């Protein structure tokens, strides 16, 4: 069974930590994002698609307002090569499944 989790993006669908010059995706869900290199070392922060097992942790790491506008929370499915390092997880590819519901956001807060 594939691992499920949560990822937080900025209001314009960019990484809250790494930023980037373009949004990760158009906004329509579900979508599978491009495969990236996965660092399988013991480092807690390293290359790969980073995500969290629970939404509260994803908000704590990614922030609620990293750019001055509200974050977007997305339920994800990780690729089979997913690894856990501390309270963070990463893999080489994510499928973005759906946006978090208002109830899920309130529960995470």
PDB file of N, CA and C in Angstrom:
ATOM      1  N   UNK A   1       0.841  -1.185   0.000  1.00  0.00           N
ATOM      2  CA  UNK A   1       0.000   0.000   0.000  1.00  0.00           C
ATOM      3  C   UNK A   1       0.885   1.248   0.000  1.00  0.00           C
ATOM      4  N   UNK A   2       0.518   2.217  -0.785  1.00  0.00           N
ATOM      5  CA  UNK A   2       1.286   3.460  -0.875  1.00  0.00           C
ATOM      6  C   UNK A   2       1.138   4.270   0.404  1.00  0.00           C
ATOM      7  N   UNK A   3       2.196   5.007   0.718  1.00  0.00           N
ATOM      8  CA  UNK A   3       2.181   5.852   1.906  1.00  0.00           C
ATOM      9  C   UNK A   3       1.470   7.162   1.595  1.00  0.00           C
ATOM     10  N   UNK A   4       0.577   7.569   2.506  1.00  0.00           N
ATOM     11  CA  UNK A   4      -0.136   8.828   2.366  1.00  0.00           C
ATOM     12  C   UNK A   4       0.443   9.838   3.334  1.00  0.00           C
ATOM     13  N   UNK A   5       0.295  11.106   3.023  1.00  0.00           N
ATOM     14  CA  UNK A   5       0.803  12.150   3.898  1.00  0.00           C
ATOM     15  C   UNK A   5       0.286  13.506   3.460  1.00  0.00           C
ATOM     16  N   UNK A   6       1.008  14.568   3.892  1.00  0.00           N
ATOM     17  CA  UNK A   6       0.595  15.943   3.629  1.00  0.00           C
ATOM     18  C   UNK A   6       1.789  16.782   3.194  1.00  0.00           C
ATOM     19  N   UNK A   7       1.530  17.709   2.299  1.00  0.00           N
ATOM     20  CA  UNK A   7       2.541  18.671   1.876  1.00  0.00           C
ATOM     21  C   UNK A   7       1.894  20.052   1.862  1.00  0.00           C
ATOM     22  N   UNK A   8       2.668  21.037   2.308  1.00  0.00           N
ATOM     23  CA  UNK A   8       2.201  22.422   2.324  1.00  0.00           C
ATOM     24  C   UNK A   8       2.920  23.191   1.223  1.00  0.00           C
ATOM     25  N   UNK A   9       2.171  24.018   0.511  1.00  0.00           N
ATOM     26  CA  UNK A   9       2.703  24.879  -0.538  1.00  0.00           C
ATOM     27  C   UNK A   9       2.319  26.322  -0.234  1.00  0.00           C
ATOM     28  N   UNK A  10       3.001  27.269  -0.888  1.00  0.00           N
ATOM     29  CA  UNK A  10       2.607  28.666  -0.770  1.00  0.00           C
ATOM     30  C   UNK A  10       1.296  28.877  -1.527  1.00  0.00           C
ATOM     31  N   UNK A  11       0.705  30.050  -1.386  1.00  0.00           N
ATOM     32  CA  UNK A  11      -0.562  30.356  -2.048  1.00  0.00           C
ATOM     33  C   UNK A  11      -0.486  30.188  -3.564  1.00  0.00           C
ATOM     34  N   UNK A  12       0.709  30.362  -4.139  1.00  0.00           N
ATOM     35  CA  UNK A  12       0.874  30.241  -5.591  1.00  0.00           C
ATOM     36  C   UNK A  12       1.503  28.899  -5.996  1.00  0.00           C
ATOM     37  N   UNK A  13       1.365  27.889  -5.115  1.00  0.00           N
ATOM     38  CA  UNK A  13       1.726  26.499  -5.378  1.00  0.00           C
ATOM     39  C   UNK A  13       3.228  26.277  -5.556  1.00  0.00           C
ATOM     40  N   UNK A  14       4.035  26.956  -4.756  1.00  0.00           N
ATOM     41  CA  UNK A  14       5.487  26.765  -4.736  1.00  0.00           C
ATOM     42  C   UNK A  14       5.891  26.151  -3.402  1.00  0.00           C
ATOM     43  N   UNK A  15       7.088  25.632  -3.333  1.00  0.00           N
ATOM     44  CA  UNK A  15       7.602  25.090  -2.075  1.00  0.00           C
ATOM     45  C   UNK A  15       7.747  26.213  -1.062  1.00  0.00           C
ATOM     46  N   UNK A  16       7.273  26.015   0.174  1.00  0.00           N
ATOM     47  CA  UNK A  16       7.410  27.082   1.170  1.00  0.00           C
ATOM     48  C   UNK A  16       8.842  27.278   1.648  1.00  0.00           C
ATOM     49  N   UNK A  17       9.694  26.283   1.487  1.00  0.00           N
ATOM     50  CA  UNK A  17      11.077  26.366   1.940  1.00  0.00           C
ATOM     51  C   UNK A  17      12.010  26.714   0.773  1.00  0.00           C
ATOM     52  N   UNK A  18      11.899  25.992  -0.323  1.00  0.00           N
ATOM     53  CA  UNK A  18      12.809  26.171  -1.453  1.00  0.00           C
ATOM     54  C   UNK A  18      12.361  27.242  -2.441  1.00  0.00           C
ATOM     55  N   UNK A  19      11.097  27.590  -2.424  1.00  0.00           N
ATOM     56  CA  UNK A  19      10.595  28.599  -3.364  1.00  0.00           C
ATOM     57  C   UNK A  19      10.529  28.053  -4.768  1.00  0.00           C
ATOM     58  N   UNK A  20      11.285  28.633  -5.660  1.00  0.00           N
ATOM     59  CA  UNK A  20      11.290  28.200  -7.054  1.00  0.00           C
ATOM     60  C   UNK A  20      10.773  29.301  -7.953  1.00  0.00           C
ATOM     61  N   UNK A  21      11.085  29.191  -9.233  1.00  0.00           N
ATOM     62  CA  UNK A  21      10.690  30.223 -10.183  1.00  0.00           C
ATOM     63  C   UNK A  21       9.315  29.982 -10.778  1.00  0.00           C
ATOM     64  N   UNK A  22       8.774  28.790 -10.599  1.00  0.00           N
ATOM     65  CA  UNK A  22       7.475  28.461 -11.175  1.00  0.00           C
ATOM     66  C   UNK A  22       6.676  27.613 -10.189  1.00  0.00           C
ATOM     67  N   UNK A  23       5.360  27.679 -10.273  1.00  0.00           N
ATOM     68  CA  UNK A  23       4.536  26.806  -9.430  1.00  0.00           C
ATOM     69  C   UNK A  23       4.848  25.333  -9.713  1.00  0.00           C
ATOM     70  N   UNK A  24       4.637  24.498  -8.710  1.00  0.00           N
ATOM     71  CA  UNK A  24       4.880  23.059  -8.853  1.00  0.00           C
ATOM     72  C   UNK A  24       3.863  22.428  -9.802  1.00  0.00           C
ATOM     73  N   UNK A  25       2.630  22.923  -9.793  1.00  0.00           N
ATOM     74  CA  UNK A  25       1.585  22.394 -10.674  1.00  0.00           C
ATOM     75  C   UNK A  25       0.546  23.474 -10.937  1.00  0.00           C
ATOM     76  N   UNK A  26      -0.367  23.204 -11.842  1.00  0.00           N
ATOM     77  CA  UNK A  26      -1.342  24.204 -12.295  1.00  0.00           C
ATOM     78  C   UNK A  26      -2.428  24.518 -11.285  1.00  0.00           C
ATOM     79  N   UNK A  27      -2.666  23.609 -10.346  1.00  0.00           N
ATOM     80  CA  UNK A  27      -3.737  23.791  -9.367  1.00  0.00           C
ATOM     81  C   UNK A  27      -4.789  22.708  -9.450  1.00  0.00           C
ATOM     82  N   UNK A  28      -4.931  22.073 -10.601  1.00  0.00           N
ATOM     83  CA  UNK A  28      -5.906  20.993 -10.762  1.00  0.00           C
ATOM     84  C   UNK A  28      -5.364  19.726 -10.101  1.00  0.00           C
ATOM     85  N   UNK A  29      -6.231  19.017  -9.418  1.00  0.00           N
ATOM     86  CA  UNK A  29      -5.856  17.770  -8.734  1.00  0.00           C
ATOM     87  C   UNK A  29      -6.802  16.658  -9.141  1.00  0.00           C
ATOM     88  N   UNK A  30      -6.342  15.418  -9.124  1.00  0.00           N
ATOM     89  CA  UNK A  30      -5.017  14.928  -8.748  1.00  0.00           C
ATOM     90  C   UNK A  30      -4.009  15.132  -9.878  1.00  0.00           C
ATOM     91  N   UNK A  31      -2.727  15.140  -9.478  1.00  0.00           N
ATOM     92  CA  UNK A  31      -1.633  15.270 -10.432  1.00  0.00           C
ATOM     93  C   UNK A  31      -0.386  14.610  -9.840  1.00  0.00           C
ATOM     94  N   UNK A  32       0.401  13.992 -10.699  1.00  0.00           N
ATOM     95  CA  UNK A  32       1.683  13.420 -10.276  1.00  0.00           C
ATOM     96  C   UNK A  32       2.778  14.380 -10.718  1.00  0.00           C
ATOM     97  N   UNK A  33       3.610  14.780  -9.772  1.00  0.00           N
ATOM     98  CA  UNK A  33       4.685  15.739 -10.066  1.00  0.00           C
ATOM     99  C   UNK A  33       5.900  14.997 -10.616  1.00  0.00           C
ATOM    100  N   UNK A  34       6.802  15.721 -11.270  1.00  0.00           N
ATOM    101  CA  UNK A  34       7.975  15.068 -11.872  1.00  0.00           C
ATOM    102  C   UNK A  34       8.845  14.337 -10.847  1.00  0.00           C
ATOM    103  N   UNK A  35       9.505  13.306 -11.307  1.00  0.00           N
ATOM    104  CA  UNK A  35      10.449  12.559 -10.477  1.00  0.00           C
ATOM    105  C   UNK A  35      11.691  13.408 -10.253  1.00  0.00           C
ATOM    106  N   UNK A  36      12.191  13.388  -9.021  1.00  0.00           N
ATOM    107  CA  UNK A  36      13.419  14.101  -8.664  1.00  0.00           C
ATOM    108  C   UNK A  36      14.395  13.120  -8.019  1.00  0.00           C
ATOM    109  N   UNK A  37      15.645  13.529  -7.921  1.00  0.00           N
ATOM    110  CA  UNK A  37      16.655  12.708  -7.239  1.00  0.00           C
ATOM    111  C   UNK A  37      16.297  12.597  -5.762  1.00  0.00           C
ATOM    112  N   UNK A  38      16.476  11.420  -5.200  1.00  0.00           N
ATOM    113  CA  UNK A  38      16.183  11.172  -3.791  1.00  0.00           C
ATOM    114  C   UNK A  38      17.470  10.886  -3.038  1.00  0.00           C
ATOM    115  N   UNK A  39      17.753  11.698  -2.048  1.00  0.00           N
ATOM    116  CA  UNK A  39      18.899  11.493  -1.164  1.00  0.00           C
ATOM    117  C   UNK A  39      18.461  10.510  -0.083  1.00  0.00           C
ATOM    118  N   UNK A  40      19.070   9.350  -0.035  1.00  0.00           N
ATOM    119  CA  UNK A  40      18.688   8.330   0.950  1.00  0.00           C
ATOM    120  C   UNK A  40      19.609   8.329   2.167  1.00  0.00           C
ATOM    121  N   UNK A  41      20.404   9.376   2.317  1.00  0.00           N
ATOM    122  CA  UNK A  41      21.303   9.465   3.476  1.00  0.00           C
ATOM    123  C   UNK A  41      20.483   9.645   4.761  1.00  0.00           C
ATOM    124  N   UNK A  42      21.179   9.719   5.873  1.00  0.00           N
ATOM    125  CA  UNK A  42      20.520   9.915   7.160  1.00  0.00           C
ATOM    126  C   UNK A  42      20.148  11.370   7.427  1.00  0.00           C
ATOM    127  N   UNK A  43      20.483  12.279   6.529  1.00  0.00           N
ATOM    128  CA  UNK A  43      20.175  13.697   6.717  1.00  0.00           C
ATOM    129  C   UNK A  43      18.675  13.904   6.840  1.00  0.00           C
ATOM    130  N   UNK A  44      18.273  14.733   7.804  1.00  0.00           N
ATOM    131  CA  UNK A  44      16.849  15.008   7.982  1.00  0.00           C
ATOM    132  C   UNK A  44      16.317  15.883   6.846  1.00  0.00           C
ATOM    133  N   UNK A  45      17.124  16.828   6.390  1.00  0.00           N
ATOM    134  CA  UNK A  45      16.751  17.692   5.267  1.00  0.00           C
ATOM    135  C   UNK A  45      17.672  17.379   4.097  1.00  0.00           C
ATOM    136  N   UNK A  46      17.099  16.914   2.999  1.00  0.00           N
ATOM    137  CA  UNK A  46      17.912  16.551   1.839  1.00  0.00           C
ATOM    138  C   UNK A  46      17.024  16.498   0.605  1.00  0.00           C
ATOM    139  N   UNK A  47      17.633  16.184  -0.533  1.00  0.00           N
ATOM    140  CA  UNK A  47      16.948  16.188  -1.819  1.00  0.00           C
ATOM    141  C   UNK A  47      15.844  15.141  -1.885  1.00  0.00           C
ATOM    142  N   UNK A  48      14.780  15.508  -2.570  1.00  0.00           N
ATOM    143  CA  UNK A  48      13.610  14.660  -2.752  1.00  0.00           C
ATOM    144  C   UNK A  48      12.367  15.503  -2.550  1.00  0.00           C
ATOM    145  N   UNK A  49      11.211  14.913  -2.771  1.00  0.00           N
ATOM    146  CA  UNK A  49       9.950  15.578  -2.451  1.00  0.00           C
ATOM    147  C   UNK A  49       9.711  15.370  -0.960  1.00  0.00           C
ATOM    148  N   UNK A  50       9.752  16.442  -0.204  1.00  0.00           N
ATOM    149  CA  UNK A  50       9.574  16.365   1.238  1.00  0.00           C
ATOM    150  C   UNK A  50       8.107  16.518   1.597  1.00  0.00           C
ATOM    151  N   UNK A  51       7.681  15.790   2.609  1.00  0.00           N
ATOM    152  CA  UNK A  51       6.293  15.824   3.072  1.00  0.00           C
ATOM    153  C   UNK A  51       6.259  15.325   4.508  1.00  0.00           C
ATOM    154  N   UNK A  52       5.087  15.305   5.105  1.00  0.00           N
ATOM    155  CA  UNK A  52       4.939  14.863   6.495  1.00  0.00           C
ATOM    156  C   UNK A  52       3.795  13.864   6.604  1.00  0.00           C
ATOM    157  N   UNK A  53       3.855  13.052   7.642  1.00  0.00           N
ATOM    158  CA  UNK A  53       2.817  12.052   7.871  1.00  0.00           C
ATOM    159  C   UNK A  53       1.502  12.698   8.288  1.00  0.00           C
ATOM    160  N   UNK A  54       1.592  13.830   9.016  1.00  0.00           N
ATOM    161  CA  UNK A  54       0.368  14.477   9.494  1.00  0.00           C
ATOM    162  C   UNK A  54       0.381  15.959   9.133  1.00  0.00           C
ATOM    163  N   UNK A  55      -0.787  16.528   9.037  1.00  0.00           N
ATOM    164  CA  UNK A  55      -0.937  17.906   8.590  1.00  0.00           C
ATOM    165  C   UNK A  55      -0.390  18.904   9.610  1.00  0.00           C
ATOM    166  N   UNK A  56      -0.527  18.630  10.889  1.00  0.00           N
ATOM    167  CA  UNK A  56      -0.010  19.546  11.910  1.00  0.00           C
ATOM    168  C   UNK A  56       1.499  19.730  11.753  1.00  0.00           C
ATOM    169  N   UNK A  57       2.231  18.649  11.538  1.00  0.00           N
ATOM    170  CA  UNK A  57       3.686  18.733  11.346  1.00  0.00           C
ATOM    171  C   UNK A  57       4.010  19.461  10.047  1.00  0.00           C
ATOM    172  N   UNK A  58       3.251  19.203   8.996  1.00  0.00           N
ATOM    173  CA  UNK A  58       3.484  19.883   7.720  1.00  0.00           C
ATOM    174  C   UNK A  58       3.325  21.394   7.877  1.00  0.00           C
ATOM    175  N   UNK A  59       2.319  21.833   8.619  1.00  0.00           N
ATOM    176  CA  UNK A  59       2.144  23.264   8.867  1.00  0.00           C
ATOM    177  C   UNK A  59       3.272  23.821   9.731  1.00  0.00           C
ATOM    178  N   UNK A  60       3.715  23.059  10.710  1.00  0.00           N
ATOM    179  CA  UNK A  60       4.788  23.526  11.593  1.00  0.00           C
ATOM    180  C   UNK A  60       6.075  23.738  10.798  1.00  0.00           C
ATOM    181  N   UNK A  61       6.367  22.848   9.864  1.00  0.00           N
ATOM    182  CA  UNK A  61       7.593  22.953   9.070  1.00  0.00           C
ATOM    183  C   UNK A  61       7.435  23.963   7.928  1.00  0.00           C
ATOM    184  N   UNK A  62       6.340  23.879   7.194  1.00  0.00           N
ATOM    185  CA  UNK A  62       6.139  24.732   6.018  1.00  0.00           C
ATOM    186  C   UNK A  62       5.606  26.109   6.334  1.00  0.00           C
ATOM    187  N   UNK A  63       4.936  26.247   7.465  1.00  0.00           N
ATOM    188  CA  UNK A  63       4.378  27.532   7.858  1.00  0.00           C
ATOM    189  C   UNK A  63       2.961  27.739   7.361  1.00  0.00           C
ATOM    190  N   UNK A  64       2.260  28.612   8.054  1.00  0.00           N
ATOM    191  CA  UNK A  64       0.884  28.942   7.677  1.00  0.00           C
ATOM    192  C   UNK A  64       0.826  30.115   6.694  1.00  0.00           C
ATOM    193  N   UNK A  65       1.766  31.038   6.833  1.00  0.00           N
ATOM    194  CA  UNK A  65       1.772  32.251   6.012  1.00  0.00           C
ATOM    195  C   UNK A  65       3.202  32.566   5.562  1.00  0.00           C
ATOM    196  N   UNK A  66       3.933  31.651   4.934  1.00  0.00           N
ATOM    197  CA  UNK A  66       5.355  31.886   4.641  1.00  0.00           C
ATOM    198  C   UNK A  66       5.619  33.061   3.699  1.00  0.00           C
ATOM    199  N   UNK A  67       4.660  33.430   2.881  1.00  0.00           N
ATOM    200  CA  UNK A  67       4.842  34.541   1.945  1.00  0.00           C
ATOM    201  C   UNK A  67       3.927  35.715   2.277  1.00  0.00           C
ATOM    202  N   UNK A  68       3.279  35.669   3.436  1.00  0.00           N
ATOM    203  CA  UNK A  68       2.320  36.706   3.790  1.00  0.00           C
ATOM    204  C   UNK A  68       0.911  36.387   3.339  1.00  0.00           C
ATOM    205  N   UNK A  69       0.739  35.260   2.681  1.00  0.00           N
ATOM    206  CA  UNK A  69      -0.587  34.787   2.259  1.00  0.00           C
ATOM    207  C   UNK A  69      -0.756  33.360   2.745  1.00  0.00           C
ATOM    208  N   UNK A  70      -1.989  32.885   2.892  1.00  0.00           N
ATOM    209  CA  UNK A  70      -2.210  31.546   3.458  1.00  0.00           C
ATOM    210  C   UNK A  70      -1.587  30.423   2.637  1.00  0.00           C
ATOM    211  N   UNK A  71      -1.101  29.416   3.337  1.00  0.00           N
ATOM    212  CA  UNK A  71      -0.553  28.219   2.699  1.00  0.00           C
ATOM    213  C   UNK A  71      -1.672  27.360   2.133  1.00  0.00           C
ATOM    214  N   UNK A  72      -1.278  26.477   1.227  1.00  0.00           N
ATOM    215  CA  UNK A  72      -2.175  25.471   0.664  1.00  0.00           C
ATOM    216  C   UNK A  72      -1.723  24.119   1.202  1.00  0.00           C
ATOM    217  N   UNK A  73      -2.635  23.352   1.761  1.00  0.00           N
ATOM    218  CA  UNK A  73      -2.320  22.011   2.265  1.00  0.00           C
ATOM    219  C   UNK A  73      -2.915  20.978   1.319  1.00  0.00           C
ATOM    220  N   UNK A  74      -2.086  19.989   0.954  1.00  0.00           N
ATOM    221  CA  UNK A  74      -2.494  18.985  -0.020  1.00  0.00           C
ATOM    222  C   UNK A  74      -2.209  17.581   0.518  1.00  0.00           C
ATOM    223  N   UNK A  75      -3.188  16.707   0.418  1.00  0.00           N
ATOM    224  CA  UNK A  75      -2.986  15.289   0.738  1.00  0.00           C
ATOM    225  C   UNK A  75      -2.205  14.675  -0.408  1.00  0.00           C
ATOM    226  N   UNK A  76      -1.212  13.844  -0.061  1.00  0.00           N
ATOM    227  CA  UNK A  76      -0.340  13.272  -1.088  1.00  0.00           C
ATOM    228  C   UNK A  76      -0.236  11.759  -0.945  1.00  0.00           C
ATOM    229  N   UNK A  77       0.207  11.142  -2.020  1.00  0.00           N
ATOM    230  CA  UNK A  77       0.610   9.734  -2.016  1.00  0.00           C
ATOM    231  C   UNK A  77       2.061   9.700  -2.453  1.00  0.00           C
ATOM    232  N   UNK A  78       2.915   9.105  -1.638  1.00  0.00           N
ATOM    233  CA  UNK A  78       4.350   9.046  -1.915  1.00  0.00           C
ATOM    234  C   UNK A  78       4.688   7.847  -2.802  1.00  0.00           C
ATOM    235  N   UNK A  79       5.767   7.990  -3.548  1.00  0.00           N
ATOM    236  CA  UNK A  79       6.267   6.867  -4.341  1.00  0.00           C
ATOM    237  C   UNK A  79       6.808   5.779  -3.417  1.00  0.00           C
ATOM    238  N   UNK A  80       7.022   4.607  -3.968  1.00  0.00           N
ATOM    239  CA  UNK A  80       7.415   3.430  -3.180  1.00  0.00           C
ATOM    240  C   UNK A  80       8.780   3.570  -2.505  1.00  0.00           C
ATOM    241  N   UNK A  81       9.611   4.505  -2.946  1.00  0.00           N
ATOM    242  CA  UNK A  81      10.941   4.677  -2.353  1.00  0.00           C
ATOM    243  C   UNK A  81      10.964   5.638  -1.160  1.00  0.00           C
ATOM    244  N   UNK A  82       9.805   5.953  -0.604  1.00  0.00           N
ATOM    245  CA  UNK A  82       9.699   6.904   0.506  1.00  0.00           C
ATOM    246  C   UNK A  82      10.537   6.476   1.709  1.00  0.00           C
ATOM    247  N   UNK A  83      11.176   7.474   2.339  1.00  0.00           N
ATOM    248  CA  UNK A  83      11.970   7.243   3.544  1.00  0.00           C
ATOM    249  C   UNK A  83      11.564   8.244   4.618  1.00  0.00           C
ATOM    250  N   UNK A  84      11.822   7.899   5.864  1.00  0.00           N
ATOM    251  CA  UNK A  84      11.526   8.769   6.996  1.00  0.00           C
ATOM    252  C   UNK A  84      12.823   9.142   7.678  1.00  0.00           C
ATOM    253  N   UNK A  85      12.973  10.428   7.975  1.00  0.00           N
ATOM    254  CA  UNK A  85      14.128  10.942   8.705  1.00  0.00           C
ATOM    255  C   UNK A  85      13.590  11.921   9.743  1.00  0.00           C
ATOM    256  N   UNK A  86      13.601  11.515  11.004  1.00  0.00           N
ATOM    257  CA  UNK A  86      13.015  12.350  12.045  1.00  0.00           C
ATOM    258  C   UNK A  86      11.513  12.471  11.823  1.00  0.00           C
ATOM    259  N   UNK A  87      11.001  13.695  11.856  1.00  0.00           N
ATOM    260  CA  UNK A  87       9.565  13.887  11.631  1.00  0.00           C
ATOM    261  C   UNK A  87       9.260  14.283  10.188  1.00  0.00           C
ATOM    262  N   UNK A  88      10.262  14.148   9.318  1.00  0.00           N
ATOM    263  CA  UNK A  88      10.096  14.468   7.904  1.00  0.00           C
ATOM    264  C   UNK A  88      10.198  13.202   7.067  1.00  0.00           C
ATOM    265  N   UNK A  89       9.574  13.262   5.919  1.00  0.00           N
ATOM    266  CA  UNK A  89       9.629  12.158   4.971  1.00  0.00           C
ATOM    267  C   UNK A  89       9.971  12.710   3.610  1.00  0.00           C
ATOM    268  N   UNK A  90      10.532  11.880   2.760  1.00  0.00           N
ATOM    269  CA  UNK A  90      10.817  12.298   1.391  1.00  0.00           C
ATOM    270  C   UNK A  90      10.793  11.091   0.470  1.00  0.00           C
ATOM    271  N   UNK A  91      10.584  11.391  -0.808  1.00  0.00           N
ATOM    272  CA  UNK A  91      10.531  10.361  -1.837  1.00  0.00           C
ATOM    273  C   UNK A  91      10.904  10.997  -3.166  1.00  0.00           C
ATOM    274  N   UNK A  92      10.963  10.189  -4.206  1.00  0.00           N
ATOM    275  CA  UNK A  92      11.350  10.712  -5.517  1.00  0.00           C
ATOM    276  C   UNK A  92      10.178  11.268  -6.321  1.00  0.00           C
ATOM    277  N   UNK A  93       8.951  10.922  -5.931  1.00  0.00           N
ATOM    278  CA  UNK A  93       7.792  11.398  -6.686  1.00  0.00           C
ATOM    279  C   UNK A  93       6.564  11.423  -5.790  1.00  0.00           C
ATOM    280  N   UNK A  94       5.727  12.429  -5.985  1.00  0.00           N
ATOM    281  CA  UNK A  94       4.470  12.560  -5.243  1.00  0.00           C
ATOM    282  C   UNK A  94       3.300  12.610  -6.208  1.00  0.00           C
ATOM    283  N   UNK A  95       2.184  12.062  -5.753  1.00  0.00           N
ATOM    284  CA  UNK A  95       0.919  12.327  -6.411  1.00  0.00           C
ATOM    285  C   UNK A  95       0.132  13.210  -5.463  1.00  0.00           C
ATOM    286  N   UNK A  96      -0.211  14.397  -5.935  1.00  0.00           N
ATOM    287  CA  UNK A  96      -1.018  15.330  -5.147  1.00  0.00           C
ATOM    288  C   UNK A  96      -2.467  14.927  -5.355  1.00  0.00           C
ATOM    289  N   UNK A  97      -3.116  14.519  -4.285  1.00  0.00           N
ATOM    290  CA  UNK A  97      -4.444  13.918  -4.398  1.00  0.00           C
ATOM    291  C   UNK A  97      -5.590  14.913  -4.313  1.00  0.00           C
ATOM    292  N   UNK A  98      -5.565  15.755  -3.259  1.00  0.00           N
ATOM    293  CA  UNK A  98      -6.680  16.675  -3.025  1.00  0.00           C
ATOM    294  C   UNK A  98      -6.245  17.742  -2.030  1.00  0.00           C
ATOM    295  N   UNK A  99      -6.988  18.835  -2.035  1.00  0.00           N
ATOM    296  CA  UNK A  99      -6.741  19.889  -1.053  1.00  0.00           C
ATOM    297  C   UNK A  99      -7.320  19.462   0.293  1.00  0.00           C
ATOM    298  N   UNK A 100      -6.694  19.916   1.359  1.00  0.00           N
ATOM    299  CA  UNK A 100      -7.212  19.652   2.704  1.00  0.00           C
ATOM    300  C   UNK A 100      -8.564  20.338   2.864  1.00  0.00           C
ATOM    301  N   UNK A 101      -9.445  19.704   3.590  1.00  0.00           N
ATOM    302  CA  UNK A 101     -10.740  20.318   3.885  1.00  0.00           C
ATOM    303  C   UNK A 101     -10.567  21.337   5.009  1.00  0.00           C
ATOM    304  N   UNK A 102     -11.526  22.198   5.149  1.00  0.00           N
ATOM    305  CA  UNK A 102     -11.494  23.179   6.239  1.00  0.00           C
ATOM    306  C   UNK A 102     -11.427  22.474   7.591  1.00  0.00           C
ATOM    307  N   UNK A 103     -12.179  21.388   7.743  1.00  0.00           N
ATOM    308  CA  UNK A 103     -12.170  20.628   9.001  1.00  0.00           C
ATOM    309  C   UNK A 103     -10.789  20.034   9.281  1.00  0.00           C
ATOM    310  N   UNK A 104     -10.116  19.531   8.248  1.00  0.00           N
ATOM    311  CA  UNK A 104      -8.764  18.978   8.427  1.00  0.00           C
ATOM    312  C   UNK A 104      -7.779  20.063   8.833  1.00  0.00           C
ATOM    313  N   UNK A 105      -7.889  21.221   8.243  1.00  0.00           N
ATOM    314  CA  UNK A 105      -6.998  22.336   8.604  1.00  0.00           C
ATOM    315  C   UNK A 105      -7.224  22.736  10.056  1.00  0.00           C
ATOM    316  N   UNK A 106      -8.474  22.915  10.458  1.00  0.00           N
ATOM    317  CA  UNK A 106      -8.771  23.303  11.844  1.00  0.00           C
ATOM    318  C   UNK A 106      -8.275  22.236  12.822  1.00  0.00           C
ATOM    319  N   UNK A 107      -8.450  20.981  12.494  1.00  0.00           N
ATOM    320  CA  UNK A 107      -7.993  19.904  13.377  1.00  0.00           C
ATOM    321  C   UNK A 107      -6.468  19.921  13.514  1.00  0.00           C
ATOM    322  N   UNK A 108      -5.762  20.233  12.431  1.00  0.00           N
ATOM    323  CA  UNK A 108      -4.300  20.281  12.454  1.00  0.00           C
ATOM    324  C   UNK A 108      -3.786  21.448  13.280  1.00  0.00           C
ATOM    325  N   UNK A 109      -4.537  22.539  13.289  1.00  0.00           N
ATOM    326  CA  UNK A 109      -4.113  23.723  14.028  1.00  0.00           C
ATOM    327  C   UNK A 109      -4.325  23.509  15.513  1.00  0.00           C
TER     328      UNK A 109
END
